[in-house]
Amino acid sequence: MIILGFESSCDETGVAAVSTERGLLSHALHTQIAMHQEYGGVVPELASRDHIRRAVPLARQVLAEAGLGLQDVDAVAYTAGPGLAGALLVGASVAQAFAWSRGLPAIPIHHLEGHLLSPLLDDPRPEFPFVALLVSGGHTQLMQVDGVGRYALLGETLDDAAGEAFDKSAKLMGLGYPGGPALSRLAVSGDAKRFVLPRPMLHSGDLDFSFSGLKTAVLTRVKEAERSGGLDDTARADLAAATQAAIVEVLVAKAVRALKQTDLKRLVVAGGVGANQSLRELLGRALGPLGARAYFPPLALCTDNGAMIAFAAAERVKAGLVSLQPGQHAFTVKPRWDLADICVSAPA
């Protein structure tokens, strides 16, 4: 079965073709970074308009690269939420129109489930059950995953997510948009010990996160520097390194605690922050003594993409969790959508 998937939840337009038997066949992605840089962040109306321009050409590209025609597609999947309402509506509308025109079923997919299952696209593929650390944009969560649709929340952020802490701290340092990757690149040349920053909730005893206090601490350091002439290049790199070290230390500690609490040995890390090399290296060191292992999606699939949406739909089809009846084309999108709403059962 061939599934064509559309992702348009924020500032990236992704389309992919996945086979339930052969896996990922092809995918294409357009990022809107250059367009939004002028404004220092995502402008929802501009994002929606750009999705309209990109969705159909990307779909044509994906089908051509996979050697497929329209007649080869058996179902269409799309991100129904969470995300920006206007952006979600574009992908949903295009997908539903395509499905209606061909008499195919349309499958709404939860954006975070796409991220959650994306490491299964890599080789070796992690087996169920596992702990998942979701660090995508506005989400930081730890989940126990026993199978497709079988998720239990172990802990989540109480305010800013890790990705937001990266981006907001980078903006305070004058690093531009997108801030997170810029901060991580700069951190490589910095001394993380020069600035002392808090590790919020590091010793809370639970699996929840909080990063708003860290952002405030970064702001304090920036203002202190401004009173003495501002951040020079060396100080900016050192503050970037200290910020990254604080975020990563908390993420690693909580992930280790989750593995111990669940007695599991597999950790899946998904979402844009999963591409952070410091996080990958420190997790590797921390999990070794536990006899545990971390799994990541391919680097090209860490950010939002159509492959994870088409793949999540394929996994749901194989698990018998979606209806494949054609003709059901009334739809809605859910800018706020709890992952628990799509669970068939929680882990015991």
C-alpha atoms as a PDB file:
ATOM      1  CA  MET A   1       0.000   0.000   0.000  1.00  0.00           C
ATOM      2  CA  ILE A   2       1.348   3.440  -1.006  1.00  0.00           C
ATOM      3  CA  ILE A   3       0.600   6.441   1.244  1.00  0.00           C
ATOM      4  CA  LEU A   4       1.262  10.033   0.216  1.00  0.00           C
ATOM      5  CA  GLY A   5       1.818  12.232   3.269  1.00  0.00           C
ATOM      6  CA  PHE A   6       1.644  16.029   3.732  1.00  0.00           C
ATOM      7  CA  GLU A   7       3.158  18.036   6.610  1.00  0.00           C
ATOM      8  CA  SER A   8       2.388  21.766   6.962  1.00  0.00           C
ATOM      9  CA  SER A   9       2.060  22.443  10.680  1.00  0.00           C
ATOM     10  CA  CYS A  10       4.438  25.404  10.855  1.00  0.00           C
ATOM     11  CA  ASP A  11       7.196  26.720   8.585  1.00  0.00           C
ATOM     12  CA  GLU A  12       8.171  23.638   6.587  1.00  0.00           C
ATOM     13  CA  THR A  13       6.234  22.035   3.752  1.00  0.00           C
ATOM     14  CA  GLY A  14       6.946  18.325   3.567  1.00  0.00           C
ATOM     15  CA  VAL A  15       5.620  15.629   1.256  1.00  0.00           C
ATOM     16  CA  ALA A  16       6.598  11.960   1.174  1.00  0.00           C
ATOM     17  CA  ALA A  17       5.593   8.611  -0.262  1.00  0.00           C
ATOM     18  CA  VAL A  18       5.756   5.550   2.004  1.00  0.00           C
ATOM     19  CA  SER A  19       5.002   1.920   1.251  1.00  0.00           C
ATOM     20  CA  THR A  20       3.607  -0.236   4.045  1.00  0.00           C
ATOM     21  CA  GLU A  21       5.821  -3.042   2.694  1.00  0.00           C
ATOM     22  CA  ARG A  22       8.992  -1.214   1.539  1.00  0.00           C
ATOM     23  CA  GLY A  23       9.137   1.819   3.834  1.00  0.00           C
ATOM     24  CA  LEU A  24      10.100   5.322   2.733  1.00  0.00           C
ATOM     25  CA  LEU A  25      10.168   5.659  -1.061  1.00  0.00           C
ATOM     26  CA  SER A  26      10.881   9.381  -1.437  1.00  0.00           C
ATOM     27  CA  HIS A  27      10.414  12.677   0.350  1.00  0.00           C
ATOM     28  CA  ALA A  28      10.852  16.386  -0.335  1.00  0.00           C
ATOM     29  CA  LEU A  29      10.976  19.352   1.997  1.00  0.00           C
ATOM     30  CA  HIS A  30      10.807  23.115   1.603  1.00  0.00           C
ATOM     31  CA  THR A  31      11.835  25.270   4.554  1.00  0.00           C
ATOM     32  CA  GLN A  32      10.617  28.842   4.969  1.00  0.00           C
ATOM     33  CA  ILE A  33      13.593  29.964   7.068  1.00  0.00           C
ATOM     34  CA  ALA A  34      14.810  32.532   4.556  1.00  0.00           C
ATOM     35  CA  MET A  35      11.350  34.103   4.294  1.00  0.00           C
ATOM     36  CA  HIS A  36      10.844  34.432   8.056  1.00  0.00           C
ATOM     37  CA  GLN A  37      14.374  35.620   8.901  1.00  0.00           C
ATOM     38  CA  GLU A  38      13.432  39.205   8.109  1.00  0.00           C
ATOM     39  CA  TYR A  39      10.839  39.119  10.905  1.00  0.00           C
ATOM     40  CA  GLY A  40      12.858  37.200  13.502  1.00  0.00           C
ATOM     41  CA  GLY A  41      10.248  34.418  13.741  1.00  0.00           C
ATOM     42  CA  VAL A  42       7.425  32.634  11.959  1.00  0.00           C
ATOM     43  CA  VAL A  43       4.670  34.870  10.543  1.00  0.00           C
ATOM     44  CA  PRO A  44       1.593  32.573  10.401  1.00  0.00           C
ATOM     45  CA  GLU A  45      -0.101  34.240   7.415  1.00  0.00           C
ATOM     46  CA  LEU A  46       3.075  34.138   5.328  1.00  0.00           C
ATOM     47  CA  ALA A  47       3.637  30.529   6.334  1.00  0.00           C
ATOM     48  CA  SER A  48       0.150  29.532   5.171  1.00  0.00           C
ATOM     49  CA  ARG A  49       0.510  31.283   1.829  1.00  0.00           C
ATOM     50  CA  ASP A  50       3.848  29.635   1.165  1.00  0.00           C
ATOM     51  CA  HIS A  51       2.441  26.185   1.937  1.00  0.00           C
ATOM     52  CA  ILE A  52      -0.162  26.815  -0.786  1.00  0.00           C
ATOM     53  CA  ARG A  53       2.596  27.498  -3.301  1.00  0.00           C
ATOM     54  CA  ARG A  54       4.728  24.502  -2.369  1.00  0.00           C
ATOM     55  CA  ALA A  55       2.423  21.561  -1.623  1.00  0.00           C
ATOM     56  CA  VAL A  56       1.444  20.484  -5.130  1.00  0.00           C
ATOM     57  CA  PRO A  57       4.900  20.922  -6.769  1.00  0.00           C
ATOM     58  CA  LEU A  58       6.475  18.948  -3.932  1.00  0.00           C
ATOM     59  CA  ALA A  59       3.892  16.189  -4.346  1.00  0.00           C
ATOM     60  CA  ARG A  60       4.715  15.981  -8.053  1.00  0.00           C
ATOM     61  CA  GLN A  61       8.427  15.822  -7.223  1.00  0.00           C
ATOM     62  CA  VAL A  62       7.950  13.041  -4.674  1.00  0.00           C
ATOM     63  CA  LEU A  63       5.863  10.901  -6.994  1.00  0.00           C
ATOM     64  CA  ALA A  64       8.343  11.367  -9.854  1.00  0.00           C
ATOM     65  CA  GLU A  65      11.349  10.476  -7.683  1.00  0.00           C
ATOM     66  CA  ALA A  66       9.562   7.371  -6.406  1.00  0.00           C
ATOM     67  CA  GLY A  67       8.619   6.334  -9.936  1.00  0.00           C
ATOM     68  CA  LEU A  68       4.938   6.537  -9.084  1.00  0.00           C
ATOM     69  CA  GLY A  69       1.889   7.922 -10.829  1.00  0.00           C
ATOM     70  CA  LEU A  70      -1.310   9.253  -9.323  1.00  0.00           C
ATOM     71  CA  GLN A  71      -2.917   5.883  -9.915  1.00  0.00           C
ATOM     72  CA  ASP A  72      -0.358   4.191  -7.638  1.00  0.00           C
ATOM     73  CA  VAL A  73      -1.363   6.083  -4.480  1.00  0.00           C
ATOM     74  CA  ASP A  74      -3.682   4.112  -2.187  1.00  0.00           C
ATOM     75  CA  ALA A  75      -4.241   6.632   0.643  1.00  0.00           C
ATOM     76  CA  VAL A  76      -3.357  10.190   1.623  1.00  0.00           C
ATOM     77  CA  ALA A  77      -2.177  11.310   5.075  1.00  0.00           C
ATOM     78  CA  TYR A  78      -1.814  14.797   6.506  1.00  0.00           C
ATOM     79  CA  THR A  79      -0.921  16.574   9.726  1.00  0.00           C
ATOM     80  CA  ALA A  80      -4.190  17.530  11.432  1.00  0.00           C
ATOM     81  CA  GLY A  81      -2.517  19.101  14.496  1.00  0.00           C
ATOM     82  CA  PRO A  82      -1.113  20.474  16.634  1.00  0.00           C
ATOM     83  CA  GLY A  83       0.313  23.509  14.854  1.00  0.00           C
ATOM     84  CA  LEU A  84      -0.635  26.832  13.285  1.00  0.00           C
ATOM     85  CA  ALA A  85      -4.307  26.722  12.291  1.00  0.00           C
ATOM     86  CA  GLY A  86      -3.898  28.339   8.871  1.00  0.00           C
ATOM     87  CA  ALA A  87      -0.861  26.258   7.993  1.00  0.00           C
ATOM     88  CA  LEU A  88      -2.602  23.046   9.040  1.00  0.00           C
ATOM     89  CA  LEU A  89      -5.622  23.928   6.916  1.00  0.00           C
ATOM     90  CA  VAL A  90      -3.480  24.161   3.792  1.00  0.00           C
ATOM     91  CA  GLY A  91      -2.024  20.680   4.128  1.00  0.00           C
ATOM     92  CA  ALA A  92      -5.363  19.203   5.169  1.00  0.00           C
ATOM     93  CA  SER A  93      -7.169  20.828   2.243  1.00  0.00           C
ATOM     94  CA  VAL A  94      -4.626  19.689  -0.331  1.00  0.00           C
ATOM     95  CA  ALA A  95      -4.586  16.150   1.037  1.00  0.00           C
ATOM     96  CA  GLN A  96      -8.371  15.890   1.250  1.00  0.00           C
ATOM     97  CA  ALA A  97      -8.794  17.300  -2.250  1.00  0.00           C
ATOM     98  CA  PHE A  98      -6.302  14.795  -3.632  1.00  0.00           C
ATOM     99  CA  ALA A  99      -8.043  11.943  -1.811  1.00  0.00           C
ATOM    100  CA  TRP A 100     -11.496  13.083  -3.014  1.00  0.00           C
ATOM    101  CA  SER A 101     -10.339  13.386  -6.625  1.00  0.00           C
ATOM    102  CA  ARG A 102      -9.050   9.807  -6.632  1.00  0.00           C
ATOM    103  CA  GLY A 103     -11.668   8.228  -4.363  1.00  0.00           C
ATOM    104  CA  LEU A 104      -9.042   7.430  -1.709  1.00  0.00           C
ATOM    105  CA  PRO A 105      -9.142   7.384   2.081  1.00  0.00           C
ATOM    106  CA  ALA A 106      -7.623  10.388   3.892  1.00  0.00           C
ATOM    107  CA  ILE A 107      -5.830   9.813   7.204  1.00  0.00           C
ATOM    108  CA  PRO A 108      -5.390  12.651   9.749  1.00  0.00           C
ATOM    109  CA  ILE A 109      -2.139  12.277  11.726  1.00  0.00           C
ATOM    110  CA  HIS A 110      -0.992  13.789  15.006  1.00  0.00           C
ATOM    111  CA  HIS A 111       2.189  15.803  14.444  1.00  0.00           C
ATOM    112  CA  LEU A 112       3.859  14.509  17.606  1.00  0.00           C
ATOM    113  CA  GLU A 113       3.087  10.895  16.744  1.00  0.00           C
ATOM    114  CA  GLY A 114       4.951  11.519  13.514  1.00  0.00           C
ATOM    115  CA  HIS A 115       7.991  12.676  15.472  1.00  0.00           C
ATOM    116  CA  LEU A 116       7.561   9.881  18.000  1.00  0.00           C
ATOM    117  CA  LEU A 117       7.707   7.152  15.350  1.00  0.00           C
ATOM    118  CA  SER A 118      10.268   8.795  13.035  1.00  0.00           C
ATOM    119  CA  PRO A 119      13.314   6.994  14.541  1.00  0.00           C
ATOM    120  CA  LEU A 120      11.731   3.765  13.272  1.00  0.00           C
ATOM    121  CA  LEU A 121      12.651   5.000   9.790  1.00  0.00           C
ATOM    122  CA  ASP A 122      16.338   4.492  10.579  1.00  0.00           C
ATOM    123  CA  ASP A 123      18.386   1.316  10.721  1.00  0.00           C
ATOM    124  CA  PRO A 124      18.647  -0.304  13.199  1.00  0.00           C
ATOM    125  CA  ARG A 125      15.016   0.225  14.098  1.00  0.00           C
ATOM    126  CA  PRO A 126      14.204   0.333  17.829  1.00  0.00           C
ATOM    127  CA  GLU A 127      11.815  -2.324  19.054  1.00  0.00           C
ATOM    128  CA  PHE A 128       8.853  -1.644  21.323  1.00  0.00           C
ATOM    129  CA  PRO A 129       8.653  -0.866  24.203  1.00  0.00           C
ATOM    130  CA  PHE A 130      10.827   2.220  24.630  1.00  0.00           C
ATOM    131  CA  VAL A 131      10.993   5.606  26.319  1.00  0.00           C
ATOM    132  CA  ALA A 132      10.638   8.555  23.950  1.00  0.00           C
ATOM    133  CA  LEU A 133      12.094  12.006  24.524  1.00  0.00           C
ATOM    134  CA  LEU A 134      10.143  14.407  22.297  1.00  0.00           C
ATOM    135  CA  VAL A 135      12.022  17.672  21.874  1.00  0.00           C
ATOM    136  CA  SER A 136      10.327  19.408  18.992  1.00  0.00           C
ATOM    137  CA  GLY A 137       9.780  23.157  18.832  1.00  0.00           C
ATOM    138  CA  GLY A 138       7.219  23.972  21.491  1.00  0.00           C
ATOM    139  CA  HIS A 139       7.122  20.458  22.987  1.00  0.00           C
ATOM    140  CA  THR A 140       9.337  18.699  25.500  1.00  0.00           C
ATOM    141  CA  GLN A 141       7.870  15.433  26.752  1.00  0.00           C
ATOM    142  CA  LEU A 142       8.906  12.022  27.989  1.00  0.00           C
ATOM    143  CA  MET A 143       6.631   9.171  26.900  1.00  0.00           C
ATOM    144  CA  GLN A 144       6.501   5.453  27.505  1.00  0.00           C
ATOM    145  CA  VAL A 145       5.704   3.742  24.219  1.00  0.00           C
ATOM    146  CA  ASP A 146       4.502   0.125  24.153  1.00  0.00           C
ATOM    147  CA  GLY A 147       3.391   0.159  20.521  1.00  0.00           C
ATOM    148  CA  VAL A 148       1.680   2.247  17.870  1.00  0.00           C
ATOM    149  CA  GLY A 149      -1.094   4.178  19.596  1.00  0.00           C
ATOM    150  CA  ARG A 150      -0.019   2.964  23.037  1.00  0.00           C
ATOM    151  CA  TYR A 151       1.542   5.980  24.726  1.00  0.00           C
ATOM    152  CA  ALA A 152       1.727   7.181  28.325  1.00  0.00           C
ATOM    153  CA  LEU A 153       2.971  10.601  29.377  1.00  0.00           C
ATOM    154  CA  LEU A 154       5.775  10.378  31.941  1.00  0.00           C
ATOM    155  CA  GLY A 155       6.670  14.050  32.139  1.00  0.00           C
ATOM    156  CA  GLU A 156       6.496  17.303  30.196  1.00  0.00           C
ATOM    157  CA  THR A 157       7.520  20.924  30.291  1.00  0.00           C
ATOM    158  CA  LEU A 158       5.582  23.196  32.619  1.00  0.00           C
ATOM    159  CA  ASP A 159       6.412  26.327  30.603  1.00  0.00           C
ATOM    160  CA  ASP A 160       8.995  26.894  27.852  1.00  0.00           C
ATOM    161  CA  ALA A 161      10.117  23.835  25.926  1.00  0.00           C
ATOM    162  CA  ALA A 162      13.787  23.066  25.292  1.00  0.00           C
ATOM    163  CA  GLY A 163      13.499  24.252  21.700  1.00  0.00           C
ATOM    164  CA  GLU A 164      11.994  27.532  22.860  1.00  0.00           C
ATOM    165  CA  ALA A 165      14.801  27.960  25.384  1.00  0.00           C
ATOM    166  CA  PHE A 166      17.339  27.546  22.581  1.00  0.00           C
ATOM    167  CA  ASP A 167      15.533  29.975  20.274  1.00  0.00           C
ATOM    168  CA  LYS A 168      14.690  32.641  22.865  1.00  0.00           C
ATOM    169  CA  SER A 169      18.157  32.576  24.383  1.00  0.00           C
ATOM    170  CA  ALA A 170      19.687  32.895  20.933  1.00  0.00           C
ATOM    171  CA  LYS A 171      17.505  35.924  20.222  1.00  0.00           C
ATOM    172  CA  LEU A 172      18.660  37.543  23.475  1.00  0.00           C
ATOM    173  CA  MET A 173      22.238  37.048  22.301  1.00  0.00           C
ATOM    174  CA  GLY A 174      21.460  38.641  18.937  1.00  0.00           C
ATOM    175  CA  LEU A 175      21.935  35.463  16.938  1.00  0.00           C
ATOM    176  CA  GLY A 176      18.934  35.884  14.633  1.00  0.00           C
ATOM    177  CA  TYR A 177      16.470  33.301  13.332  1.00  0.00           C
ATOM    178  CA  PRO A 178      16.373  30.340  13.564  1.00  0.00           C
ATOM    179  CA  GLY A 179      18.150  30.750  16.862  1.00  0.00           C
ATOM    180  CA  GLY A 180      18.565  27.188  18.110  1.00  0.00           C
ATOM    181  CA  PRO A 181      20.895  25.914  15.370  1.00  0.00           C
ATOM    182  CA  ALA A 182      22.863  29.193  15.456  1.00  0.00           C
ATOM    183  CA  LEU A 183      23.351  28.907  19.215  1.00  0.00           C
ATOM    184  CA  SER A 184      24.488  25.283  18.910  1.00  0.00           C
ATOM    185  CA  ARG A 185      27.023  26.157  16.218  1.00  0.00           C
ATOM    186  CA  LEU A 186      28.415  29.032  18.286  1.00  0.00           C
ATOM    187  CA  ALA A 187      28.558  26.903  21.438  1.00  0.00           C
ATOM    188  CA  VAL A 188      31.219  24.668  19.885  1.00  0.00           C
ATOM    189  CA  SER A 189      33.811  27.457  20.266  1.00  0.00           C
ATOM    190  CA  GLY A 190      32.659  28.598  23.720  1.00  0.00           C
ATOM    191  CA  ASP A 191      33.628  27.871  27.321  1.00  0.00           C
ATOM    192  CA  ALA A 192      30.527  26.508  29.049  1.00  0.00           C
ATOM    193  CA  LYS A 193      32.029  27.089  32.509  1.00  0.00           C
ATOM    194  CA  ARG A 194      32.442  30.855  32.209  1.00  0.00           C
ATOM    195  CA  PHE A 195      28.790  31.643  32.956  1.00  0.00           C
ATOM    196  CA  VAL A 196      26.886  29.923  35.756  1.00  0.00           C
ATOM    197  CA  LEU A 197      23.316  29.161  34.692  1.00  0.00           C
ATOM    198  CA  PRO A 198      20.553  27.235  36.516  1.00  0.00           C
ATOM    199  CA  ARG A 199      19.449  23.696  35.692  1.00  0.00           C
ATOM    200  CA  PRO A 200      15.694  24.060  36.355  1.00  0.00           C
ATOM    201  CA  MET A 201      14.023  21.071  38.032  1.00  0.00           C
ATOM    202  CA  LEU A 202      17.159  18.971  37.675  1.00  0.00           C
ATOM    203  CA  HIS A 203      16.645  17.537  41.168  1.00  0.00           C
ATOM    204  CA  SER A 204      12.843  17.747  41.307  1.00  0.00           C
ATOM    205  CA  GLY A 205      12.499  13.976  41.614  1.00  0.00           C
ATOM    206  CA  ASP A 206       9.924  13.833  38.831  1.00  0.00           C
ATOM    207  CA  LEU A 207      10.125  13.790  35.029  1.00  0.00           C
ATOM    208  CA  ASP A 208       8.793  17.280  34.329  1.00  0.00           C
ATOM    209  CA  PHE A 209      10.779  20.127  32.796  1.00  0.00           C
ATOM    210  CA  SER A 210      10.922  23.914  33.079  1.00  0.00           C
ATOM    211  CA  PHE A 211      13.089  26.189  30.963  1.00  0.00           C
ATOM    212  CA  SER A 212      11.593  29.652  31.416  1.00  0.00           C
ATOM    213  CA  GLY A 213      13.894  30.355  34.381  1.00  0.00           C
ATOM    214  CA  LEU A 214      16.914  29.507  32.283  1.00  0.00           C
ATOM    215  CA  LYS A 215      15.827  32.008  29.643  1.00  0.00           C
ATOM    216  CA  THR A 216      15.482  34.650  32.368  1.00  0.00           C
ATOM    217  CA  ALA A 217      18.975  33.835  33.644  1.00  0.00           C
ATOM    218  CA  VAL A 218      20.375  34.275  30.127  1.00  0.00           C
ATOM    219  CA  LEU A 219      18.623  37.655  29.906  1.00  0.00           C
ATOM    220  CA  THR A 220      20.238  38.668  33.212  1.00  0.00           C
ATOM    221  CA  ARG A 221      23.712  37.741  31.930  1.00  0.00           C
ATOM    222  CA  VAL A 222      23.123  39.697  28.711  1.00  0.00           C
ATOM    223  CA  LYS A 223      22.028  42.808  30.649  1.00  0.00           C
ATOM    224  CA  GLU A 224      25.037  42.516  32.947  1.00  0.00           C
ATOM    225  CA  ALA A 225      27.275  42.426  29.892  1.00  0.00           C
ATOM    226  CA  GLU A 226      25.511  45.414  28.350  1.00  0.00           C
ATOM    227  CA  ARG A 227      26.337  47.520  31.417  1.00  0.00           C
ATOM    228  CA  SER A 228      30.018  46.886  30.767  1.00  0.00           C
ATOM    229  CA  GLY A 229      30.048  47.381  27.004  1.00  0.00           C
ATOM    230  CA  GLY A 230      28.006  44.422  25.733  1.00  0.00           C
ATOM    231  CA  LEU A 231      28.777  40.853  24.711  1.00  0.00           C
ATOM    232  CA  ASP A 232      31.912  40.514  22.634  1.00  0.00           C
ATOM    233  CA  ASP A 233      32.352  37.523  20.341  1.00  0.00           C
ATOM    234  CA  THR A 234      34.111  35.451  22.980  1.00  0.00           C
ATOM    235  CA  ALA A 235      31.536  36.175  25.678  1.00  0.00           C
ATOM    236  CA  ARG A 236      28.687  35.418  23.266  1.00  0.00           C
ATOM    237  CA  ALA A 237      30.210  32.030  22.415  1.00  0.00           C
ATOM    238  CA  ASP A 238      30.763  31.278  26.107  1.00  0.00           C
ATOM    239  CA  LEU A 239      27.168  32.185  26.995  1.00  0.00           C
ATOM    240  CA  ALA A 240      25.905  30.045  24.111  1.00  0.00           C
ATOM    241  CA  ALA A 241      27.964  27.110  25.371  1.00  0.00           C
ATOM    242  CA  ALA A 242      26.694  27.583  28.926  1.00  0.00           C
ATOM    243  CA  THR A 243      23.080  27.766  27.749  1.00  0.00           C
ATOM    244  CA  GLN A 244      23.380  24.624  25.655  1.00  0.00           C
ATOM    245  CA  ALA A 245      25.104  22.774  28.505  1.00  0.00           C
ATOM    246  CA  ALA A 246      22.302  23.662  30.924  1.00  0.00           C
ATOM    247  CA  ILE A 247      19.542  22.511  28.563  1.00  0.00           C
ATOM    248  CA  VAL A 248      21.303  19.312  27.571  1.00  0.00           C
ATOM    249  CA  GLU A 249      22.189  18.369  31.147  1.00  0.00           C
ATOM    250  CA  VAL A 250      18.541  18.564  32.190  1.00  0.00           C
ATOM    251  CA  LEU A 251      17.335  16.597  29.158  1.00  0.00           C
ATOM    252  CA  VAL A 252      19.895  13.841  29.711  1.00  0.00           C
ATOM    253  CA  ALA A 253      19.238  13.580  33.452  1.00  0.00           C
ATOM    254  CA  LYS A 254      15.484  13.320  33.008  1.00  0.00           C
ATOM    255  CA  ALA A 255      15.828  10.778  30.181  1.00  0.00           C
ATOM    256  CA  VAL A 256      18.086   8.606  32.342  1.00  0.00           C
ATOM    257  CA  ARG A 257      15.623   8.869  35.221  1.00  0.00           C
ATOM    258  CA  ALA A 258      12.772   7.822  32.898  1.00  0.00           C
ATOM    259  CA  LEU A 259      14.675   4.722  31.770  1.00  0.00           C
ATOM    260  CA  LYS A 260      15.388   3.738  35.363  1.00  0.00           C
ATOM    261  CA  GLN A 261      11.797   4.381  36.398  1.00  0.00           C
ATOM    262  CA  THR A 262      10.363   2.232  33.594  1.00  0.00           C
ATOM    263  CA  ASP A 263      13.180  -0.345  33.630  1.00  0.00           C
ATOM    264  CA  LEU A 264      13.516   0.023  29.863  1.00  0.00           C
ATOM    265  CA  LYS A 265      16.755  -0.005  27.859  1.00  0.00           C
ATOM    266  CA  ARG A 266      15.775   1.840  24.696  1.00  0.00           C
ATOM    267  CA  LEU A 267      15.466   5.616  24.398  1.00  0.00           C
ATOM    268  CA  VAL A 268      14.046   7.208  21.257  1.00  0.00           C
ATOM    269  CA  VAL A 269      14.870  10.893  20.764  1.00  0.00           C
ATOM    270  CA  ALA A 270      12.806  12.792  18.207  1.00  0.00           C
ATOM    271  CA  GLY A 271      12.178  16.384  17.159  1.00  0.00           C
ATOM    272  CA  GLY A 272      14.378  19.230  16.005  1.00  0.00           C
ATOM    273  CA  VAL A 273      16.500  19.381  19.190  1.00  0.00           C
ATOM    274  CA  GLY A 274      17.313  15.707  18.570  1.00  0.00           C
ATOM    275  CA  ALA A 275      19.764  16.917  15.912  1.00  0.00           C
ATOM    276  CA  ASN A 276      21.875  18.636  18.586  1.00  0.00           C
ATOM    277  CA  GLN A 277      25.285  16.960  18.619  1.00  0.00           C
ATOM    278  CA  SER A 278      25.976  17.741  22.273  1.00  0.00           C
ATOM    279  CA  LEU A 279      22.730  16.039  23.278  1.00  0.00           C
ATOM    280  CA  ARG A 280      23.587  12.985  21.182  1.00  0.00           C
ATOM    281  CA  GLU A 281      27.098  12.703  22.628  1.00  0.00           C
ATOM    282  CA  LEU A 282      26.106  13.157  26.275  1.00  0.00           C
ATOM    283  CA  LEU A 283      23.207  10.714  25.980  1.00  0.00           C
ATOM    284  CA  GLY A 284      25.597   8.144  24.552  1.00  0.00           C
ATOM    285  CA  ARG A 285      27.908   8.551  27.553  1.00  0.00           C
ATOM    286  CA  ALA A 286      25.080   8.484  30.090  1.00  0.00           C
ATOM    287  CA  LEU A 287      23.270   5.462  28.678  1.00  0.00           C
ATOM    288  CA  GLY A 288      26.310   3.221  28.295  1.00  0.00           C
ATOM    289  CA  PRO A 289      26.654   2.362  32.002  1.00  0.00           C
ATOM    290  CA  LEU A 290      22.938   1.501  32.079  1.00  0.00           C
ATOM    291  CA  GLY A 291      23.257  -0.964  29.222  1.00  0.00           C
ATOM    292  CA  ALA A 292      20.793   1.258  27.363  1.00  0.00           C
ATOM    293  CA  ARG A 293      20.867   2.753  23.882  1.00  0.00           C
ATOM    294  CA  ALA A 294      19.538   5.912  22.242  1.00  0.00           C
ATOM    295  CA  TYR A 295      17.897   5.924  18.824  1.00  0.00           C
ATOM    296  CA  PHE A 296      17.475   8.981  16.617  1.00  0.00           C
ATOM    297  CA  PRO A 297      15.795   9.631  13.284  1.00  0.00           C
ATOM    298  CA  PRO A 298      18.127  10.354  10.365  1.00  0.00           C
ATOM    299  CA  LEU A 299      19.420  13.935  10.662  1.00  0.00           C
ATOM    300  CA  ALA A 300      17.428  14.977   7.580  1.00  0.00           C
ATOM    301  CA  LEU A 301      14.227  13.847   9.329  1.00  0.00           C
ATOM    302  CA  CYS A 302      14.735  15.515  12.725  1.00  0.00           C
ATOM    303  CA  THR A 303      12.838  18.656  11.736  1.00  0.00           C
ATOM    304  CA  ASP A 304       9.220  18.632  10.532  1.00  0.00           C
ATOM    305  CA  ASN A 305       8.858  16.532   7.378  1.00  0.00           C
ATOM    306  CA  GLY A 306       6.347  14.624   5.295  1.00  0.00           C
ATOM    307  CA  ALA A 307       8.139  11.301   5.743  1.00  0.00           C
ATOM    308  CA  MET A 308       7.203  11.057   9.418  1.00  0.00           C
ATOM    309  CA  ILE A 309       3.544  11.789   8.624  1.00  0.00           C
ATOM    310  CA  ALA A 310       3.271   9.240   5.827  1.00  0.00           C
ATOM    311  CA  PHE A 311       5.169   6.701   7.943  1.00  0.00           C
ATOM    312  CA  ALA A 312       2.955   7.240  11.006  1.00  0.00           C
ATOM    313  CA  ALA A 313      -0.071   6.671   8.772  1.00  0.00           C
ATOM    314  CA  ALA A 314       1.486   3.470   7.415  1.00  0.00           C
ATOM    315  CA  GLU A 315       2.156   2.193  10.938  1.00  0.00           C
ATOM    316  CA  ARG A 316      -1.418   2.999  11.965  1.00  0.00           C
ATOM    317  CA  VAL A 317      -2.728   1.153   8.906  1.00  0.00           C
ATOM    318  CA  LYS A 318      -0.635  -1.918   9.732  1.00  0.00           C
ATOM    319  CA  ALA A 319      -1.856  -1.797  13.327  1.00  0.00           C
ATOM    320  CA  GLY A 320      -5.479  -1.616  12.176  1.00  0.00           C
ATOM    321  CA  LEU A 321      -6.042   1.740  13.877  1.00  0.00           C
ATOM    322  CA  VAL A 322      -7.442   3.762  10.960  1.00  0.00           C
ATOM    323  CA  SER A 323     -10.414   3.444   8.658  1.00  0.00           C
ATOM    324  CA  LEU A 324      -9.579   2.996   4.989  1.00  0.00           C
ATOM    325  CA  GLN A 325     -13.099   3.698   3.800  1.00  0.00           C
ATOM    326  CA  PRO A 326     -13.021   6.283   0.993  1.00  0.00           C
ATOM    327  CA  GLY A 327     -15.494   9.120   0.723  1.00  0.00           C
ATOM    328  CA  GLN A 328     -15.146  10.592   4.246  1.00  0.00           C
ATOM    329  CA  HIS A 329     -13.818  14.017   3.294  1.00  0.00           C
ATOM    330  CA  ALA A 330     -15.335  16.363   5.846  1.00  0.00           C
ATOM    331  CA  PHE A 331     -12.409  17.448   7.983  1.00  0.00           C
ATOM    332  CA  THR A 332     -11.138  19.754  10.674  1.00  0.00           C
ATOM    333  CA  VAL A 333      -7.728  20.651  12.075  1.00  0.00           C
ATOM    334  CA  LYS A 334      -6.688  20.778  15.718  1.00  0.00           C
ATOM    335  CA  PRO A 335      -4.134  23.491  16.520  1.00  0.00           C
ATOM    336  CA  ARG A 336      -4.145  22.165  20.095  1.00  0.00           C
ATOM    337  CA  TRP A 337      -4.346  18.382  20.204  1.00  0.00           C
ATOM    338  CA  ASP A 338      -3.340  16.197  23.134  1.00  0.00           C
ATOM    339  CA  LEU A 339      -1.415  13.096  22.073  1.00  0.00           C
ATOM    340  CA  ALA A 340      -3.426  11.113  24.640  1.00  0.00           C
ATOM    341  CA  ASP A 341      -6.498  11.631  22.455  1.00  0.00           C
ATOM    342  CA  ILE A 342      -5.196   9.195  19.842  1.00  0.00           C
ATOM    343  CA  CYS A 343      -4.116   6.440  22.244  1.00  0.00           C
ATOM    344  CA  VAL A 344      -5.799   3.073  21.972  1.00  0.00           C
ATOM    345  CA  SER A 345      -4.378   2.105  25.375  1.00  0.00           C
ATOM    346  CA  ALA A 346      -1.716   3.299  27.743  1.00  0.00           C
ATOM    347  CA  PRO A 347       1.207   1.102  28.795  1.00  0.00           C
ATOM    348  CA  ALA A 348       0.548  -0.961  31.895  1.00  0.00           C
END
